[in-house]
Amino acid sequence: MPKTRKDFLKETGIITGGLLTGGLSAPFSFVSIKNRDSLRWQGSERSADLVIIGGGTGGCAAALSALKMGLSVIMTEPTDWIGGQLTSQAVPPDENPWVEDFGASRSYQQYRRHVRQYYQENYPVIEGLRDDEFFNPGDGWVSRIAHEPQVSVAVIEAILSPWISNR
């Protein structure tokens, strides 16, 4: 286990291997660093305008913003799922009580719409809730949009999918 950020970067090959190895030439690359040997394929290299260390919600938001600006991005994540606590720890978003009206970015509002849409299209939703604009899938009180971790992963990947060509 790396002790410092510099150790982490060395172990993943970002410093010692040039940038990242692997041979993709796509606007967006997601690299799981769980098995760091998988990063060193045939001596090839990856390059990008921006490398994001960590695929939590902040990393995903940074990647999305950079991609929308036309930058190429490599985002690494040491776990199997991107999305941080929303996906790996089943923690619902903690948000302001007015989040449906203001106080959130367009990207976060898009994410929230996609979560609701995912449930409405893929789950047996009670008829009265099917068309509810502010449907709370988990009916949680902590968040106005409590939901399952795997739904969050699917939604985040779908939002990033226009830029993902190969993993």
N, C-alpha and C. Protein backbone atom coordinates (compact mmCIF):
# COMPACT_ATOMS: atom_id res chain seq x y z
N MET A 1 0.85 -1.18 0.00
CA MET A 1 0.00 0.00 0.00
C MET A 1 0.89 1.24 0.00
N PRO A 2 0.69 2.14 -0.95
CA PRO A 2 1.52 3.35 -0.98
C PRO A 2 1.29 4.21 0.26
N LYS A 3 2.37 4.85 0.71
CA LYS A 3 2.29 5.70 1.90
C LYS A 3 2.03 7.16 1.55
N THR A 4 2.51 7.58 0.42
CA THR A 4 2.35 8.98 0.01
C THR A 4 1.79 9.03 -1.41
N ARG A 5 1.35 10.21 -1.83
CA ARG A 5 0.85 10.38 -3.19
C ARG A 5 1.94 10.07 -4.21
N LYS A 6 3.18 10.48 -3.90
CA LYS A 6 4.28 10.20 -4.81
C LYS A 6 4.51 8.70 -4.95
N ASP A 7 4.41 7.95 -3.82
CA ASP A 7 4.54 6.49 -3.88
C ASP A 7 3.43 5.90 -4.75
N PHE A 8 2.22 6.42 -4.58
CA PHE A 8 1.08 5.95 -5.36
C PHE A 8 1.35 6.16 -6.85
N LEU A 9 1.82 7.35 -7.21
CA LEU A 9 2.09 7.65 -8.61
C LEU A 9 3.18 6.76 -9.17
N LYS A 10 4.21 6.50 -8.37
CA LYS A 10 5.28 5.61 -8.81
C LYS A 10 4.75 4.20 -9.02
N GLU A 11 3.95 3.71 -8.08
CA GLU A 11 3.43 2.35 -8.17
C GLU A 11 2.51 2.16 -9.37
N THR A 12 1.78 3.17 -9.73
CA THR A 12 0.87 3.05 -10.86
C THR A 12 1.57 3.31 -12.18
N GLY A 13 2.81 3.73 -12.14
CA GLY A 13 3.57 3.94 -13.36
C GLY A 13 3.43 5.32 -13.95
N ILE A 14 2.73 6.20 -13.28
CA ILE A 14 2.52 7.54 -13.84
C ILE A 14 3.82 8.32 -13.90
N ILE A 15 4.68 8.17 -12.90
CA ILE A 15 5.96 8.87 -12.91
C ILE A 15 7.01 8.05 -13.65
N THR A 16 7.18 6.79 -13.26
CA THR A 16 8.26 6.00 -13.82
C THR A 16 8.00 5.51 -15.24
N GLY A 17 6.72 5.40 -15.64
CA GLY A 17 6.41 4.88 -16.96
C GLY A 17 6.14 5.94 -18.00
N GLY A 18 6.51 7.15 -17.75
CA GLY A 18 6.21 8.22 -18.67
C GLY A 18 4.93 8.91 -18.24
N LEU A 19 3.80 8.34 -18.59
CA LEU A 19 2.53 8.84 -18.09
C LEU A 19 1.76 7.64 -17.61
N LEU A 20 0.95 7.05 -18.41
CA LEU A 20 0.30 5.78 -18.09
C LEU A 20 0.54 4.87 -19.27
N THR A 21 0.77 3.61 -19.02
CA THR A 21 0.99 2.68 -20.10
C THR A 21 -0.31 1.97 -20.45
N GLY A 22 -0.43 1.51 -21.68
CA GLY A 22 -1.62 0.79 -22.05
C GLY A 22 -2.05 0.94 -23.49
N GLY A 23 -1.74 2.01 -24.14
CA GLY A 23 -1.94 2.11 -25.57
C GLY A 23 -3.30 2.58 -26.06
N LEU A 24 -4.05 3.30 -25.30
CA LEU A 24 -5.31 3.82 -25.79
C LEU A 24 -5.10 5.22 -26.36
N SER A 25 -5.79 5.51 -27.42
CA SER A 25 -5.76 6.89 -27.93
C SER A 25 -7.20 7.33 -28.07
N ALA A 26 -7.84 7.61 -26.95
CA ALA A 26 -9.25 8.01 -26.92
C ALA A 26 -9.38 9.28 -26.11
N PRO A 27 -10.47 10.03 -26.32
CA PRO A 27 -10.66 11.23 -25.52
C PRO A 27 -10.78 10.93 -24.04
N PHE A 28 -11.30 9.74 -23.67
CA PHE A 28 -11.45 9.39 -22.27
C PHE A 28 -11.00 7.96 -22.07
N SER A 29 -10.22 7.73 -21.03
CA SER A 29 -9.81 6.38 -20.65
C SER A 29 -10.03 6.22 -19.17
N PHE A 30 -10.65 5.14 -18.79
CA PHE A 30 -10.78 4.80 -17.38
C PHE A 30 -9.83 3.66 -17.11
N VAL A 31 -8.98 3.82 -16.12
CA VAL A 31 -8.01 2.80 -15.79
C VAL A 31 -8.20 2.38 -14.34
N SER A 32 -8.55 1.13 -14.12
CA SER A 32 -8.61 0.63 -12.76
C SER A 32 -7.18 0.27 -12.37
N ILE A 33 -6.73 0.77 -11.25
CA ILE A 33 -5.35 0.50 -10.84
C ILE A 33 -5.29 -0.55 -9.75
N LYS A 34 -6.36 -1.32 -9.62
CA LYS A 34 -6.39 -2.38 -8.62
C LYS A 34 -5.23 -3.36 -8.87
N ASN A 35 -5.04 -3.71 -10.12
CA ASN A 35 -3.93 -4.58 -10.50
C ASN A 35 -2.95 -3.74 -11.32
N ARG A 36 -1.94 -3.19 -10.65
CA ARG A 36 -1.06 -2.25 -11.34
C ARG A 36 -0.25 -2.89 -12.46
N ASP A 37 -0.12 -4.23 -12.47
CA ASP A 37 0.58 -4.88 -13.57
C ASP A 37 -0.20 -4.73 -14.87
N SER A 38 -1.52 -4.57 -14.78
CA SER A 38 -2.32 -4.43 -15.99
C SER A 38 -2.07 -3.10 -16.68
N LEU A 39 -1.41 -2.17 -16.00
CA LEU A 39 -1.11 -0.88 -16.62
C LEU A 39 0.10 -0.94 -17.54
N ARG A 40 0.86 -2.00 -17.48
CA ARG A 40 2.10 -2.07 -18.24
C ARG A 40 1.99 -3.09 -19.35
N TRP A 41 1.16 -2.80 -20.34
CA TRP A 41 0.97 -3.70 -21.46
C TRP A 41 1.96 -3.38 -22.56
N GLN A 42 2.79 -4.31 -22.91
CA GLN A 42 3.67 -4.27 -24.09
C GLN A 42 4.46 -2.99 -24.24
N GLY A 43 4.75 -2.30 -23.16
CA GLY A 43 5.61 -1.12 -23.22
C GLY A 43 5.00 0.08 -23.90
N SER A 44 3.73 0.03 -24.25
CA SER A 44 3.11 1.19 -24.90
C SER A 44 2.75 2.24 -23.85
N GLU A 45 2.40 3.42 -24.31
CA GLU A 45 2.11 4.52 -23.39
C GLU A 45 0.75 5.12 -23.68
N ARG A 46 0.19 5.71 -22.66
CA ARG A 46 -1.03 6.49 -22.80
C ARG A 46 -0.66 7.94 -22.53
N SER A 47 -1.33 8.81 -23.20
CA SER A 47 -1.12 10.22 -22.92
C SER A 47 -2.47 10.92 -22.98
N ALA A 48 -2.54 12.03 -22.28
CA ALA A 48 -3.78 12.79 -22.23
C ALA A 48 -3.46 14.22 -21.81
N ASP A 49 -4.41 15.11 -22.06
CA ASP A 49 -4.26 16.48 -21.60
C ASP A 49 -4.36 16.56 -20.09
N LEU A 50 -5.15 15.67 -19.49
CA LEU A 50 -5.41 15.70 -18.05
C LEU A 50 -5.45 14.29 -17.50
N VAL A 51 -4.76 14.05 -16.40
CA VAL A 51 -4.83 12.78 -15.69
C VAL A 51 -5.49 13.06 -14.35
N ILE A 52 -6.54 12.33 -14.07
CA ILE A 52 -7.28 12.49 -12.82
C ILE A 52 -7.06 11.25 -11.98
N ILE A 53 -6.54 11.46 -10.79
CA ILE A 53 -6.27 10.36 -9.88
C ILE A 53 -7.48 10.22 -8.95
N GLY A 54 -8.28 9.22 -9.19
CA GLY A 54 -9.45 8.96 -8.37
C GLY A 54 -10.74 9.20 -9.12
N GLY A 55 -11.57 8.17 -9.18
CA GLY A 55 -12.82 8.24 -9.93
C GLY A 55 -14.04 8.40 -9.04
N GLY A 56 -13.88 9.14 -7.92
CA GLY A 56 -15.03 9.45 -7.09
C GLY A 56 -15.91 10.48 -7.78
N THR A 57 -16.87 11.02 -7.07
CA THR A 57 -17.75 11.99 -7.70
C THR A 57 -16.99 13.22 -8.17
N GLY A 58 -16.01 13.66 -7.41
CA GLY A 58 -15.20 14.82 -7.81
C GLY A 58 -14.37 14.51 -9.05
N GLY A 59 -13.76 13.33 -9.09
CA GLY A 59 -12.98 12.94 -10.26
C GLY A 59 -13.84 12.81 -11.51
N CYS A 60 -15.03 12.22 -11.34
CA CYS A 60 -15.95 12.08 -12.48
C CYS A 60 -16.41 13.45 -12.96
N ALA A 61 -16.71 14.35 -12.03
CA ALA A 61 -17.14 15.69 -12.41
C ALA A 61 -16.02 16.43 -13.13
N ALA A 62 -14.79 16.28 -12.64
CA ALA A 62 -13.65 16.93 -13.29
C ALA A 62 -13.44 16.36 -14.69
N ALA A 63 -13.56 15.04 -14.82
CA ALA A 63 -13.41 14.41 -16.13
C ALA A 63 -14.48 14.91 -17.09
N LEU A 64 -15.71 14.95 -16.64
CA LEU A 64 -16.81 15.41 -17.50
C LEU A 64 -16.59 16.85 -17.96
N SER A 65 -16.20 17.71 -17.03
CA SER A 65 -15.95 19.11 -17.39
C SER A 65 -14.82 19.23 -18.42
N ALA A 66 -13.74 18.51 -18.18
CA ALA A 66 -12.60 18.57 -19.10
C ALA A 66 -12.97 18.02 -20.47
N LEU A 67 -13.71 16.92 -20.50
CA LEU A 67 -14.13 16.33 -21.76
C LEU A 67 -15.03 17.28 -22.54
N LYS A 68 -15.93 17.95 -21.85
CA LYS A 68 -16.81 18.92 -22.51
C LYS A 68 -16.03 20.09 -23.08
N MET A 69 -14.85 20.37 -22.50
CA MET A 69 -13.99 21.45 -23.00
C MET A 69 -13.08 20.97 -24.13
N GLY A 70 -13.19 19.68 -24.48
CA GLY A 70 -12.41 19.15 -25.59
C GLY A 70 -11.07 18.56 -25.21
N LEU A 71 -10.80 18.43 -23.91
CA LEU A 71 -9.54 17.85 -23.47
C LEU A 71 -9.63 16.33 -23.48
N SER A 72 -8.49 15.67 -23.65
CA SER A 72 -8.44 14.23 -23.47
C SER A 72 -8.13 13.96 -22.01
N VAL A 73 -8.71 12.87 -21.47
CA VAL A 73 -8.64 12.61 -20.03
C VAL A 73 -8.33 11.14 -19.77
N ILE A 74 -7.47 10.91 -18.81
CA ILE A 74 -7.30 9.58 -18.22
C ILE A 74 -7.67 9.72 -16.76
N MET A 75 -8.58 8.87 -16.31
CA MET A 75 -8.99 8.88 -14.90
C MET A 75 -8.68 7.50 -14.32
N THR A 76 -7.97 7.49 -13.21
CA THR A 76 -7.65 6.22 -12.56
C THR A 76 -8.55 6.04 -11.35
N GLU A 77 -8.77 4.81 -10.96
CA GLU A 77 -9.58 4.48 -9.80
C GLU A 77 -9.11 3.14 -9.24
N PRO A 78 -8.80 3.07 -7.95
CA PRO A 78 -8.28 1.83 -7.38
C PRO A 78 -9.36 0.77 -7.11
N THR A 79 -10.63 1.11 -7.24
CA THR A 79 -11.69 0.13 -7.01
C THR A 79 -12.31 -0.26 -8.35
N ASP A 80 -13.24 -1.19 -8.30
CA ASP A 80 -13.87 -1.67 -9.52
C ASP A 80 -14.92 -0.72 -10.07
N TRP A 81 -15.44 0.19 -9.23
CA TRP A 81 -16.51 1.08 -9.65
C TRP A 81 -16.09 2.53 -9.51
N ILE A 82 -16.46 3.35 -10.48
CA ILE A 82 -16.28 4.78 -10.32
C ILE A 82 -17.48 5.32 -9.54
N GLY A 83 -17.38 6.53 -9.02
CA GLY A 83 -18.49 7.14 -8.33
C GLY A 83 -18.33 7.33 -6.84
N GLY A 84 -17.22 6.84 -6.29
CA GLY A 84 -16.93 7.07 -4.87
C GLY A 84 -17.98 6.51 -3.93
N GLN A 85 -18.33 7.29 -2.93
CA GLN A 85 -19.26 6.83 -1.90
C GLN A 85 -20.65 6.53 -2.46
N LEU A 86 -21.05 7.20 -3.52
CA LEU A 86 -22.37 6.92 -4.11
C LEU A 86 -22.46 5.49 -4.61
N THR A 87 -21.33 4.92 -5.01
CA THR A 87 -21.36 3.60 -5.63
C THR A 87 -20.71 2.51 -4.79
N SER A 88 -19.67 2.83 -4.06
CA SER A 88 -18.96 1.77 -3.34
C SER A 88 -19.42 1.63 -1.89
N GLN A 89 -20.07 2.64 -1.34
CA GLN A 89 -20.47 2.57 0.06
C GLN A 89 -21.97 2.77 0.26
N ALA A 90 -22.71 2.83 -0.82
CA ALA A 90 -24.17 2.99 -0.77
C ALA A 90 -24.59 4.21 0.04
N VAL A 91 -23.82 5.28 -0.08
CA VAL A 91 -24.12 6.52 0.62
C VAL A 91 -24.92 7.42 -0.33
N PRO A 92 -26.15 7.78 0.02
CA PRO A 92 -26.91 8.66 -0.87
C PRO A 92 -26.32 10.06 -0.86
N PRO A 93 -26.60 10.82 -1.90
CA PRO A 93 -26.07 12.18 -1.93
C PRO A 93 -26.61 13.01 -0.76
N ASP A 94 -25.75 13.77 -0.17
CA ASP A 94 -26.15 14.69 0.89
C ASP A 94 -26.28 16.05 0.23
N GLU A 95 -27.44 16.63 0.31
CA GLU A 95 -27.67 17.82 -0.48
C GLU A 95 -28.52 18.83 0.27
N ASN A 96 -28.55 20.01 -0.28
CA ASN A 96 -29.35 21.07 0.34
C ASN A 96 -30.84 20.78 0.14
N PRO A 97 -31.69 21.31 1.01
CA PRO A 97 -33.13 21.02 0.90
C PRO A 97 -33.80 21.60 -0.34
N TRP A 98 -33.11 22.48 -1.05
CA TRP A 98 -33.68 23.12 -2.24
C TRP A 98 -33.03 22.59 -3.52
N VAL A 99 -32.37 21.44 -3.45
CA VAL A 99 -31.58 20.94 -4.56
C VAL A 99 -32.40 20.78 -5.84
N GLU A 100 -33.67 20.54 -5.72
CA GLU A 100 -34.49 20.39 -6.93
C GLU A 100 -34.67 21.71 -7.67
N ASP A 101 -34.52 22.83 -6.96
CA ASP A 101 -34.74 24.15 -7.56
C ASP A 101 -33.47 24.92 -7.86
N PHE A 102 -32.49 24.86 -6.95
CA PHE A 102 -31.24 25.59 -7.17
C PHE A 102 -30.16 25.03 -6.24
N GLY A 103 -28.93 25.48 -6.46
CA GLY A 103 -27.82 25.05 -5.62
C GLY A 103 -27.11 23.80 -6.11
N ALA A 104 -27.30 23.45 -7.39
CA ALA A 104 -26.62 22.28 -7.96
C ALA A 104 -26.25 22.61 -9.40
N SER A 105 -25.15 22.01 -9.85
CA SER A 105 -24.70 22.24 -11.22
C SER A 105 -25.63 21.55 -12.22
N ARG A 106 -25.54 21.96 -13.48
CA ARG A 106 -26.32 21.30 -14.54
C ARG A 106 -25.96 19.82 -14.65
N SER A 107 -24.68 19.52 -14.48
CA SER A 107 -24.25 18.12 -14.58
C SER A 107 -24.86 17.28 -13.46
N TYR A 108 -24.92 17.84 -12.25
CA TYR A 108 -25.51 17.10 -11.14
C TYR A 108 -27.01 16.95 -11.34
N GLN A 109 -27.66 17.97 -11.87
CA GLN A 109 -29.09 17.86 -12.17
C GLN A 109 -29.33 16.79 -13.25
N GLN A 110 -28.43 16.73 -14.24
CA GLN A 110 -28.52 15.70 -15.28
C GLN A 110 -28.39 14.32 -14.65
N TYR A 111 -27.42 14.16 -13.76
CA TYR A 111 -27.23 12.89 -13.05
C TYR A 111 -28.52 12.49 -12.32
N ARG A 112 -29.12 13.42 -11.60
CA ARG A 112 -30.34 13.14 -10.85
C ARG A 112 -31.48 12.73 -11.77
N ARG A 113 -31.62 13.40 -12.91
CA ARG A 113 -32.67 13.03 -13.88
C ARG A 113 -32.44 11.62 -14.41
N HIS A 114 -31.18 11.31 -14.69
CA HIS A 114 -30.85 9.98 -15.21
C HIS A 114 -31.10 8.88 -14.19
N VAL A 115 -30.83 9.15 -12.91
CA VAL A 115 -31.12 8.14 -11.88
C VAL A 115 -32.61 7.84 -11.86
N ARG A 116 -33.43 8.87 -11.85
CA ARG A 116 -34.88 8.68 -11.83
C ARG A 116 -35.35 7.95 -13.10
N GLN A 117 -34.82 8.37 -14.22
CA GLN A 117 -35.19 7.75 -15.50
C GLN A 117 -34.80 6.28 -15.52
N TYR A 118 -33.63 5.96 -14.96
CA TYR A 118 -33.17 4.57 -14.92
C TYR A 118 -34.19 3.70 -14.19
N TYR A 119 -34.63 4.16 -13.04
CA TYR A 119 -35.63 3.41 -12.28
C TYR A 119 -36.95 3.34 -13.03
N GLN A 120 -37.38 4.43 -13.59
CA GLN A 120 -38.68 4.47 -14.27
C GLN A 120 -38.70 3.56 -15.50
N GLU A 121 -37.53 3.37 -16.13
CA GLU A 121 -37.46 2.53 -17.32
C GLU A 121 -37.12 1.08 -17.03
N ASN A 122 -36.44 0.80 -15.91
CA ASN A 122 -35.92 -0.55 -15.67
C ASN A 122 -36.47 -1.26 -14.44
N TYR A 123 -37.25 -0.59 -13.63
CA TYR A 123 -37.78 -1.18 -12.40
C TYR A 123 -39.31 -1.10 -12.41
N PRO A 124 -39.95 -2.01 -11.69
CA PRO A 124 -41.41 -1.91 -11.57
C PRO A 124 -41.77 -0.79 -10.58
N VAL A 125 -42.05 0.37 -11.10
CA VAL A 125 -42.33 1.55 -10.29
C VAL A 125 -43.85 1.70 -10.16
N ILE A 126 -44.31 2.03 -8.97
CA ILE A 126 -45.73 2.25 -8.73
C ILE A 126 -46.24 3.30 -9.71
N GLU A 127 -47.38 3.03 -10.28
CA GLU A 127 -47.92 3.88 -11.35
C GLU A 127 -47.94 5.37 -11.01
N GLY A 128 -48.34 5.73 -9.83
CA GLY A 128 -48.40 7.15 -9.47
C GLY A 128 -47.05 7.83 -9.42
N LEU A 129 -45.97 7.04 -9.28
CA LEU A 129 -44.61 7.61 -9.19
C LEU A 129 -43.89 7.60 -10.53
N ARG A 130 -44.39 6.85 -11.47
CA ARG A 130 -43.69 6.67 -12.75
C ARG A 130 -43.37 8.00 -13.43
N ASP A 131 -44.25 8.96 -13.37
CA ASP A 131 -44.04 10.24 -14.05
C ASP A 131 -43.72 11.38 -13.09
N ASP A 132 -43.45 11.07 -11.84
CA ASP A 132 -43.14 12.10 -10.84
C ASP A 132 -41.75 12.67 -11.12
N GLU A 133 -41.69 13.95 -11.43
CA GLU A 133 -40.42 14.61 -11.76
C GLU A 133 -39.41 14.51 -10.61
N PHE A 134 -39.89 14.47 -9.37
CA PHE A 134 -39.01 14.42 -8.21
C PHE A 134 -39.12 13.10 -7.46
N PHE A 135 -39.36 12.04 -8.20
CA PHE A 135 -39.44 10.68 -7.67
C PHE A 135 -38.19 10.33 -6.87
N ASN A 136 -38.35 9.81 -5.66
CA ASN A 136 -37.24 9.39 -4.80
C ASN A 136 -37.25 7.86 -4.77
N PRO A 137 -36.42 7.20 -5.62
CA PRO A 137 -36.49 5.75 -5.78
C PRO A 137 -36.39 4.96 -4.47
N GLY A 138 -35.52 5.38 -3.57
CA GLY A 138 -35.35 4.65 -2.31
C GLY A 138 -36.24 5.16 -1.20
N ASP A 139 -37.01 6.19 -1.48
CA ASP A 139 -37.91 6.81 -0.50
C ASP A 139 -37.16 7.14 0.79
N GLY A 140 -35.90 7.55 0.64
CA GLY A 140 -35.08 7.88 1.81
C GLY A 140 -35.31 9.29 2.29
N TRP A 141 -35.01 9.52 3.54
CA TRP A 141 -35.18 10.87 4.11
C TRP A 141 -33.86 11.64 4.13
N VAL A 142 -32.72 10.95 3.99
CA VAL A 142 -31.42 11.61 3.99
C VAL A 142 -31.21 12.39 2.68
N SER A 143 -31.72 11.82 1.63
CA SER A 143 -31.57 12.42 0.30
C SER A 143 -32.92 12.40 -0.41
N ARG A 144 -33.09 13.36 -1.28
CA ARG A 144 -34.31 13.38 -2.10
C ARG A 144 -34.20 12.44 -3.29
N ILE A 145 -33.06 11.73 -3.38
CA ILE A 145 -32.89 10.78 -4.47
C ILE A 145 -32.04 9.59 -4.00
N ALA A 146 -32.52 8.92 -2.94
CA ALA A 146 -31.85 7.72 -2.45
C ALA A 146 -31.98 6.62 -3.50
N HIS A 147 -30.88 5.91 -3.75
CA HIS A 147 -30.90 4.88 -4.80
C HIS A 147 -29.79 3.87 -4.58
N GLU A 148 -29.84 2.79 -5.34
CA GLU A 148 -28.88 1.70 -5.22
C GLU A 148 -27.54 2.07 -5.87
N PRO A 149 -26.44 1.58 -5.29
CA PRO A 149 -25.11 1.89 -5.84
C PRO A 149 -24.95 1.51 -7.31
N GLN A 150 -25.43 0.34 -7.71
CA GLN A 150 -25.24 -0.09 -9.10
C GLN A 150 -25.98 0.80 -10.09
N VAL A 151 -27.05 1.42 -9.66
CA VAL A 151 -27.76 2.37 -10.53
C VAL A 151 -26.88 3.60 -10.74
N SER A 152 -26.25 4.06 -9.67
CA SER A 152 -25.37 5.22 -9.78
C SER A 152 -24.21 4.93 -10.73
N VAL A 153 -23.62 3.74 -10.64
CA VAL A 153 -22.54 3.37 -11.55
C VAL A 153 -23.03 3.40 -12.99
N ALA A 154 -24.18 2.79 -13.24
CA ALA A 154 -24.72 2.76 -14.60
C ALA A 154 -24.97 4.16 -15.13
N VAL A 155 -25.50 5.04 -14.28
CA VAL A 155 -25.80 6.40 -14.71
C VAL A 155 -24.52 7.19 -14.99
N ILE A 156 -23.55 7.10 -14.10
CA ILE A 156 -22.29 7.84 -14.30
C ILE A 156 -21.59 7.35 -15.56
N GLU A 157 -21.56 6.04 -15.75
CA GLU A 157 -20.93 5.51 -16.96
C GLU A 157 -21.69 5.95 -18.21
N ALA A 158 -23.01 6.01 -18.14
CA ALA A 158 -23.80 6.46 -19.29
C ALA A 158 -23.52 7.93 -19.60
N ILE A 159 -23.37 8.74 -18.58
CA ILE A 159 -23.07 10.16 -18.80
C ILE A 159 -21.69 10.32 -19.45
N LEU A 160 -20.73 9.49 -19.04
CA LEU A 160 -19.38 9.57 -19.61
C LEU A 160 -19.25 8.81 -20.93
N SER A 161 -20.23 7.97 -21.26
CA SER A 161 -20.11 7.06 -22.40
C SER A 161 -19.83 7.72 -23.75
N PRO A 162 -20.29 8.93 -24.02
CA PRO A 162 -19.94 9.51 -25.32
C PRO A 162 -18.43 9.65 -25.53
N TRP A 163 -17.67 9.67 -24.46
CA TRP A 163 -16.22 9.86 -24.58
C TRP A 163 -15.44 8.57 -24.34
N ILE A 164 -16.10 7.52 -23.89
CA ILE A 164 -15.42 6.26 -23.63
C ILE A 164 -15.44 5.42 -24.89
N SER A 165 -14.27 5.07 -25.39
CA SER A 165 -14.25 4.25 -26.59
C SER A 165 -13.63 2.89 -26.33
N ASN A 166 -12.78 2.80 -25.32
CA ASN A 166 -12.11 1.53 -25.04
C ASN A 166 -11.52 1.61 -23.64
N ARG A 167 -11.67 0.55 -22.89
CA ARG A 167 -11.07 0.52 -21.55
C ARG A 167 -9.89 -0.37 -21.58
